[in-house]
N, C-alpha and C. Protein backbone atom coordinates (compact mmCIF):
# COMPACT_ATOMS: atom_id res chain seq x y z
N MET A 1 159.63 -39.28 -24.07
CA MET A 1 159.22 -38.91 -22.72
C MET A 1 157.75 -38.99 -22.24
N ASN A 2 157.19 -38.24 -23.22
CA ASN A 2 155.53 -38.09 -23.15
C ASN A 2 154.67 -39.48 -23.73
N ASP A 3 153.87 -39.42 -22.61
CA ASP A 3 152.76 -40.84 -22.90
C ASP A 3 151.47 -40.16 -23.91
N ILE A 4 151.69 -41.04 -24.96
CA ILE A 4 150.63 -40.48 -25.88
C ILE A 4 149.47 -41.11 -25.54
N GLN A 5 149.24 -42.03 -24.85
CA GLN A 5 148.21 -42.82 -24.49
C GLN A 5 147.35 -41.66 -23.30
N ASP A 6 148.38 -41.11 -22.70
CA ASP A 6 147.58 -40.01 -21.86
C ASP A 6 146.92 -39.07 -22.21
N LEU A 7 146.82 -38.85 -23.50
CA LEU A 7 146.38 -37.40 -24.47
C LEU A 7 145.14 -37.67 -24.78
N GLN A 8 144.24 -36.87 -24.64
CA GLN A 8 142.84 -36.98 -25.04
C GLN A 8 142.81 -36.95 -26.51
N PRO A 9 141.62 -36.99 -27.30
CA PRO A 9 141.68 -36.48 -28.53
C PRO A 9 142.17 -35.42 -28.93
N GLU A 10 142.89 -35.22 -30.20
CA GLU A 10 143.42 -34.26 -30.63
C GLU A 10 144.48 -33.70 -29.96
N GLY A 11 145.07 -34.39 -29.32
CA GLY A 11 146.19 -33.97 -28.44
C GLY A 11 146.04 -33.41 -27.46
N GLN A 12 144.78 -32.97 -26.73
CA GLN A 12 144.46 -32.28 -25.57
C GLN A 12 144.61 -33.34 -24.34
N LEU A 13 145.35 -32.37 -23.41
CA LEU A 13 145.46 -33.19 -21.98
C LEU A 13 144.10 -33.32 -21.51
N PRO A 14 143.92 -34.38 -20.76
CA PRO A 14 142.97 -34.46 -19.79
C PRO A 14 142.43 -33.08 -18.54
N PRO A 15 141.13 -33.17 -18.11
CA PRO A 15 141.11 -32.05 -17.14
C PRO A 15 142.13 -32.04 -16.10
N LYS A 16 142.28 -30.56 -15.46
CA LYS A 16 143.10 -30.45 -14.57
C LYS A 16 142.37 -31.24 -12.99
N THR A 17 143.05 -31.57 -12.18
CA THR A 17 142.58 -32.22 -10.81
C THR A 17 142.94 -31.21 -9.79
N CYS A 18 143.53 -30.37 -10.02
CA CYS A 18 143.50 -29.39 -8.88
C CYS A 18 143.98 -27.83 -9.84
N SER A 19 144.39 -27.03 -8.86
CA SER A 19 144.69 -25.79 -9.71
C SER A 19 146.11 -25.15 -9.29
N VAL A 20 146.57 -24.46 -10.15
CA VAL A 20 148.30 -24.39 -10.31
C VAL A 20 148.66 -23.71 -9.11
N ASP A 21 147.68 -22.42 -7.90
CA ASP A 21 148.41 -22.53 -6.97
C ASP A 21 148.49 -23.26 -6.15
N ARG A 22 148.29 -24.63 -5.91
CA ARG A 22 148.30 -25.86 -5.23
C ARG A 22 149.81 -26.69 -5.44
N LEU A 23 150.32 -26.36 -6.37
CA LEU A 23 151.18 -26.98 -7.45
C LEU A 23 152.52 -27.14 -6.51
N VAL A 24 153.03 -25.87 -5.80
CA VAL A 24 154.13 -26.00 -5.14
C VAL A 24 153.63 -25.00 -3.75
N THR A 25 153.69 -25.98 -2.62
CA THR A 25 153.16 -25.40 -1.52
C THR A 25 153.80 -25.28 -0.09
N LYS A 26 154.85 -26.59 -0.13
CA LYS A 26 155.48 -26.83 1.26
C LYS A 26 156.77 -25.73 1.19
N GLU A 27 157.00 -25.44 2.21
CA GLU A 27 158.16 -24.09 2.13
C GLU A 27 159.36 -24.56 1.84
N SER A 28 159.92 -25.80 2.06
CA SER A 28 160.93 -25.85 2.24
C SER A 28 161.02 -26.28 0.28
N GLU A 29 160.02 -26.81 -0.21
CA GLU A 29 160.14 -26.55 -1.83
C GLU A 29 160.01 -25.33 -2.72
N VAL A 30 159.03 -24.47 -1.56
CA VAL A 30 158.84 -23.16 -2.20
C VAL A 30 160.33 -22.40 -2.45
N SER A 31 160.96 -22.47 -1.31
CA SER A 31 162.25 -21.72 -1.41
C SER A 31 163.29 -22.72 -2.41
N LYS A 32 163.07 -23.60 -2.80
CA LYS A 32 164.00 -24.28 -3.79
C LYS A 32 163.59 -23.46 -5.15
N VAL A 33 162.39 -23.45 -5.39
CA VAL A 33 161.79 -22.81 -6.53
C VAL A 33 162.66 -21.08 -6.48
N LEU A 34 162.07 -20.36 -5.59
CA LEU A 34 162.68 -19.19 -5.38
C LEU A 34 164.05 -18.97 -5.46
N ASP A 35 165.10 -20.01 -4.72
CA ASP A 35 166.00 -19.90 -5.45
C ASP A 35 166.85 -20.52 -6.48
N GLY A 36 165.87 -20.98 -7.58
CA GLY A 36 166.46 -21.44 -8.73
C GLY A 36 166.91 -22.75 -8.62
N LEU A 37 166.74 -23.48 -7.61
CA LEU A 37 167.29 -24.98 -7.41
C LEU A 37 165.88 -26.02 -8.10
N LYS A 38 164.45 -25.71 -8.13
CA LYS A 38 163.89 -26.37 -8.54
C LYS A 38 163.13 -25.95 -9.79
N THR A 39 163.06 -26.59 -10.75
CA THR A 39 162.30 -26.18 -11.92
C THR A 39 161.32 -27.10 -12.49
N ALA A 40 161.17 -27.87 -11.80
CA ALA A 40 159.99 -28.96 -11.82
C ALA A 40 159.30 -29.61 -10.88
N THR A 41 157.94 -30.01 -11.05
CA THR A 41 157.30 -30.95 -9.84
C THR A 41 156.59 -31.94 -10.00
N ARG A 42 156.40 -33.23 -9.62
CA ARG A 42 155.77 -33.92 -10.09
C ARG A 42 154.87 -34.18 -9.13
N ARG A 43 153.45 -34.59 -9.77
CA ARG A 43 152.39 -34.86 -8.86
C ARG A 43 151.45 -36.08 -9.53
N ASN A 44 150.40 -36.34 -8.23
CA ASN A 44 149.85 -37.64 -8.72
C ASN A 44 148.72 -36.96 -9.80
N GLY A 45 148.34 -35.79 -9.81
CA GLY A 45 147.41 -35.30 -10.73
C GLY A 45 148.03 -34.27 -11.26
N ARG A 46 146.89 -33.48 -12.42
CA ARG A 46 147.50 -32.62 -13.36
C ARG A 46 146.98 -31.28 -12.88
N TYR A 47 147.96 -30.57 -12.26
CA TYR A 47 147.20 -29.17 -11.44
C TYR A 47 147.41 -27.89 -12.35
N ALA A 48 148.22 -27.92 -13.67
CA ALA A 48 148.33 -26.54 -14.26
C ALA A 48 148.45 -26.94 -15.98
N ASP A 49 148.00 -26.17 -16.73
CA ASP A 49 147.99 -26.03 -18.16
C ASP A 49 149.22 -25.40 -18.69
N VAL A 50 149.89 -25.40 -19.51
CA VAL A 50 150.90 -24.99 -20.36
C VAL A 50 150.51 -23.35 -20.41
N GLY A 51 151.52 -22.45 -19.73
CA GLY A 51 151.30 -21.14 -19.89
C GLY A 51 150.77 -20.71 -18.99
N GLU A 52 150.05 -21.24 -17.86
CA GLU A 52 149.60 -20.55 -16.57
C GLU A 52 150.65 -20.51 -15.44
N ILE A 53 150.52 -19.36 -14.93
CA ILE A 53 151.30 -18.62 -14.30
C ILE A 53 151.23 -19.10 -12.72
N MET A 54 152.37 -19.33 -11.97
CA MET A 54 152.22 -19.71 -10.53
C MET A 54 152.85 -18.47 -9.70
N ASP A 55 152.21 -18.08 -8.81
CA ASP A 55 152.89 -16.99 -8.19
C ASP A 55 153.24 -17.30 -6.70
N LEU A 56 154.56 -17.17 -6.44
CA LEU A 56 155.28 -17.82 -5.34
C LEU A 56 155.81 -16.40 -4.56
N GLN A 57 155.12 -15.65 -3.32
CA GLN A 57 155.65 -14.84 -2.46
C GLN A 57 156.04 -13.84 -3.56
N GLY A 58 155.30 -13.54 -4.63
CA GLY A 58 155.22 -12.54 -5.39
C GLY A 58 156.21 -12.14 -6.60
N GLN A 59 156.70 -13.59 -6.73
CA GLN A 59 157.63 -14.03 -7.84
C GLN A 59 156.48 -14.95 -8.94
N ARG A 60 156.78 -14.57 -9.99
CA ARG A 60 155.89 -15.26 -11.20
C ARG A 60 156.71 -16.57 -11.95
N PHE A 61 156.35 -17.78 -12.14
CA PHE A 61 156.35 -18.90 -12.78
C PHE A 61 155.50 -19.30 -13.69
N GLU A 62 156.22 -19.43 -15.01
CA GLU A 62 155.08 -19.89 -16.13
C GLU A 62 155.44 -21.53 -16.40
N ILE A 63 154.13 -22.11 -16.37
CA ILE A 63 154.49 -23.50 -16.77
C ILE A 63 154.87 -23.67 -18.12
N THR A 64 155.86 -24.39 -18.53
CA THR A 64 156.54 -24.42 -19.55
C THR A 64 155.81 -26.01 -20.58
N LYS A 65 156.05 -26.93 -19.56
CA LYS A 65 155.79 -28.33 -19.92
C LYS A 65 154.68 -29.09 -19.05
N VAL A 66 154.08 -29.96 -19.40
CA VAL A 66 153.11 -30.77 -18.71
C VAL A 66 152.77 -31.95 -19.20
N TYR A 67 153.64 -33.41 -18.74
CA TYR A 67 153.18 -34.45 -19.50
C TYR A 67 153.53 -35.54 -18.05
N ARG A 68 153.32 -37.13 -18.71
CA ARG A 68 153.07 -37.82 -17.73
C ARG A 68 154.39 -38.58 -17.79
N GLN A 69 155.04 -39.19 -16.79
CA GLN A 69 156.21 -39.89 -16.86
C GLN A 69 156.00 -40.86 -15.42
N SER A 70 156.50 -42.18 -15.74
CA SER A 70 156.45 -43.27 -14.43
C SER A 70 157.84 -43.00 -13.78
N LEU A 71 157.59 -43.40 -12.67
CA LEU A 71 158.70 -43.46 -11.74
C LEU A 71 159.94 -43.99 -12.42
N GLY A 72 159.61 -45.23 -12.74
CA GLY A 72 160.80 -45.63 -13.49
C GLY A 72 161.79 -45.20 -14.28
N GLU A 73 161.17 -43.88 -15.20
CA GLU A 73 161.76 -43.27 -15.97
C GLU A 73 162.81 -42.39 -15.34
N LEU A 74 162.67 -41.74 -14.09
CA LEU A 74 163.03 -40.82 -13.15
C LEU A 74 165.01 -41.18 -13.71
N THR A 75 165.61 -39.83 -13.84
CA THR A 75 167.11 -39.87 -13.82
C THR A 75 167.38 -38.68 -12.82
N ASP A 76 168.79 -38.74 -12.47
CA ASP A 76 169.53 -37.85 -11.84
C ASP A 76 169.02 -36.68 -11.95
N GLU A 77 169.24 -36.17 -13.40
CA GLU A 77 168.68 -34.98 -14.05
C GLU A 77 167.35 -34.66 -13.79
N HIS A 78 166.25 -35.61 -13.80
CA HIS A 78 165.11 -34.99 -13.05
C HIS A 78 164.89 -34.64 -12.09
N ALA A 79 165.93 -35.39 -11.11
CA ALA A 79 165.67 -34.93 -9.74
C ALA A 79 166.54 -33.74 -9.46
N ARG A 80 167.56 -33.53 -9.96
CA ARG A 80 167.83 -32.06 -9.90
C ARG A 80 167.24 -31.11 -10.24
N GLN A 81 166.27 -31.50 -11.32
CA GLN A 81 164.87 -30.64 -11.68
C GLN A 81 164.22 -30.31 -10.33
N GLU A 82 163.94 -31.14 -9.52
CA GLU A 82 163.18 -31.04 -8.57
C GLU A 82 163.85 -30.29 -7.26
N GLY A 83 165.26 -30.43 -7.56
CA GLY A 83 166.20 -29.86 -6.40
C GLY A 83 166.56 -30.36 -5.45
N TYR A 84 166.72 -32.06 -6.15
CA TYR A 84 167.69 -33.10 -5.20
C TYR A 84 168.81 -33.46 -6.10
N ALA A 85 169.64 -33.95 -5.46
CA ALA A 85 171.19 -34.48 -5.61
C ALA A 85 170.89 -35.88 -6.67
N ASN A 86 169.99 -36.73 -6.31
CA ASN A 86 169.96 -37.64 -7.43
C ASN A 86 168.38 -38.54 -7.04
N VAL A 87 167.99 -39.30 -7.67
CA VAL A 87 166.98 -40.13 -7.55
C VAL A 87 166.49 -40.48 -6.24
N ASP A 88 167.57 -41.14 -5.89
CA ASP A 88 167.50 -41.68 -4.20
C ASP A 88 167.19 -40.57 -3.36
N ALA A 89 167.82 -39.68 -3.49
CA ALA A 89 167.44 -38.46 -2.49
C ALA A 89 166.25 -38.20 -2.64
N TYR A 90 165.36 -37.86 -4.02
CA TYR A 90 164.36 -37.36 -4.75
C TYR A 90 163.32 -38.26 -3.86
N ARG A 91 163.41 -39.68 -3.98
CA ARG A 91 162.55 -40.82 -3.51
C ARG A 91 162.46 -40.89 -2.16
N ASP A 92 163.60 -41.06 -1.61
CA ASP A 92 163.37 -41.00 -0.04
C ASP A 92 162.66 -39.63 0.66
N SER A 93 162.99 -38.27 -0.14
CA SER A 93 162.15 -37.09 0.64
C SER A 93 160.41 -37.46 -0.06
N ILE A 94 160.03 -37.78 -0.96
CA ILE A 94 158.55 -38.38 -1.24
C ILE A 94 158.03 -39.05 -0.32
N LEU A 95 159.12 -40.21 0.18
CA LEU A 95 158.89 -41.14 0.97
C LEU A 95 158.42 -40.99 2.10
N ALA A 96 158.98 -40.25 2.72
CA ALA A 96 158.92 -39.37 4.22
C ALA A 96 157.85 -38.55 3.85
N MET A 97 157.53 -37.43 3.08
CA MET A 97 156.43 -37.12 2.69
C MET A 97 154.99 -38.06 3.05
N HIS A 98 155.12 -39.02 2.41
CA HIS A 98 153.63 -39.96 2.23
C HIS A 98 154.23 -41.18 2.66
N PRO A 99 153.75 -41.37 4.04
CA PRO A 99 154.30 -42.54 4.71
C PRO A 99 153.40 -43.44 4.56
N GLY A 100 153.88 -44.68 4.10
CA GLY A 100 152.99 -45.94 3.63
C GLY A 100 152.93 -46.01 2.04
N MET A 101 153.38 -44.89 1.44
CA MET A 101 153.04 -45.10 0.07
C MET A 101 154.35 -45.87 -0.75
N PRO A 102 153.98 -46.50 -1.62
CA PRO A 102 154.66 -47.55 -2.35
C PRO A 102 155.52 -46.58 -3.62
N TRP A 103 156.59 -47.21 -3.73
CA TRP A 103 157.46 -46.30 -4.82
C TRP A 103 157.63 -47.28 -5.93
N LEU A 104 156.76 -47.54 -7.03
CA LEU A 104 156.25 -48.45 -8.09
C LEU A 104 157.32 -47.97 -9.31
N PRO A 105 157.94 -48.43 -9.94
CA PRO A 105 158.50 -48.01 -11.31
C PRO A 105 157.35 -47.36 -12.29
N HIS A 106 156.48 -48.36 -12.00
CA HIS A 106 155.31 -48.47 -13.51
C HIS A 106 154.41 -47.20 -13.10
N MET A 107 154.28 -46.87 -11.78
CA MET A 107 153.77 -45.67 -11.50
C MET A 107 153.88 -44.64 -12.05
N LYS A 108 152.51 -43.71 -12.62
CA LYS A 108 152.50 -42.54 -13.58
C LYS A 108 152.28 -41.30 -12.95
N VAL A 109 153.17 -40.14 -12.88
CA VAL A 109 153.23 -38.96 -12.29
C VAL A 109 153.05 -37.90 -13.56
N TRP A 110 152.08 -36.76 -13.13
CA TRP A 110 152.19 -35.75 -13.82
C TRP A 110 153.02 -34.89 -13.54
N VAL A 111 154.18 -34.39 -14.54
CA VAL A 111 155.31 -33.50 -14.69
C VAL A 111 154.99 -32.24 -14.77
N HIS A 112 155.60 -31.13 -13.90
CA HIS A 112 155.01 -29.78 -14.49
C HIS A 112 156.09 -29.06 -14.48
N GLU A 113 156.84 -28.59 -15.38
CA GLU A 113 158.23 -27.51 -15.52
C GLU A 113 157.58 -26.34 -15.86
N PHE A 114 158.71 -25.54 -15.28
CA PHE A 114 158.16 -24.11 -15.11
C PHE A 114 159.33 -23.16 -15.14
N ARG A 115 159.32 -22.05 -15.45
CA ARG A 115 160.56 -21.14 -15.51
C ARG A 115 159.80 -19.89 -14.89
N LYS A 116 160.84 -18.88 -14.62
CA LYS A 116 160.58 -17.84 -13.78
C LYS A 116 160.21 -16.76 -15.02
N VAL A 117 159.29 -16.08 -14.54
CA VAL A 117 159.25 -14.87 -15.96
C VAL A 117 159.78 -14.05 -15.34
N SER A 118 160.38 -13.41 -16.42
CA SER A 118 161.55 -11.96 -16.43
C SER A 118 160.25 -10.91 -16.30
N GLU A 119 160.40 -9.99 -15.53
CA GLU A 119 159.49 -8.91 -15.18
C GLU A 119 160.13 -7.68 -16.07
């Protein structure tokens, strides 16, 4: 699943393109995370390192995995991690958020998986 070609020397990830506090910002997506329905998010850039903490409305979530994936590799299970019933529902939502964006199977995105931190 991980694309070794996207790793830098010695297995290092390339520099982040944004910060973890920008990873999940849309209110409907934040609600999914808080309700336990969303445990991953995909972005064009890399927003977090493994072990970083994302704070959403006072609740903390630890980034557990960061890797590259092509849109063509998405399965219904991946869509459920995003809080959607299946790939079609996830794709339709993404395309509605980004009018004019093509959905290309070879297009690569960064996957950020996370879990709630027990207090």
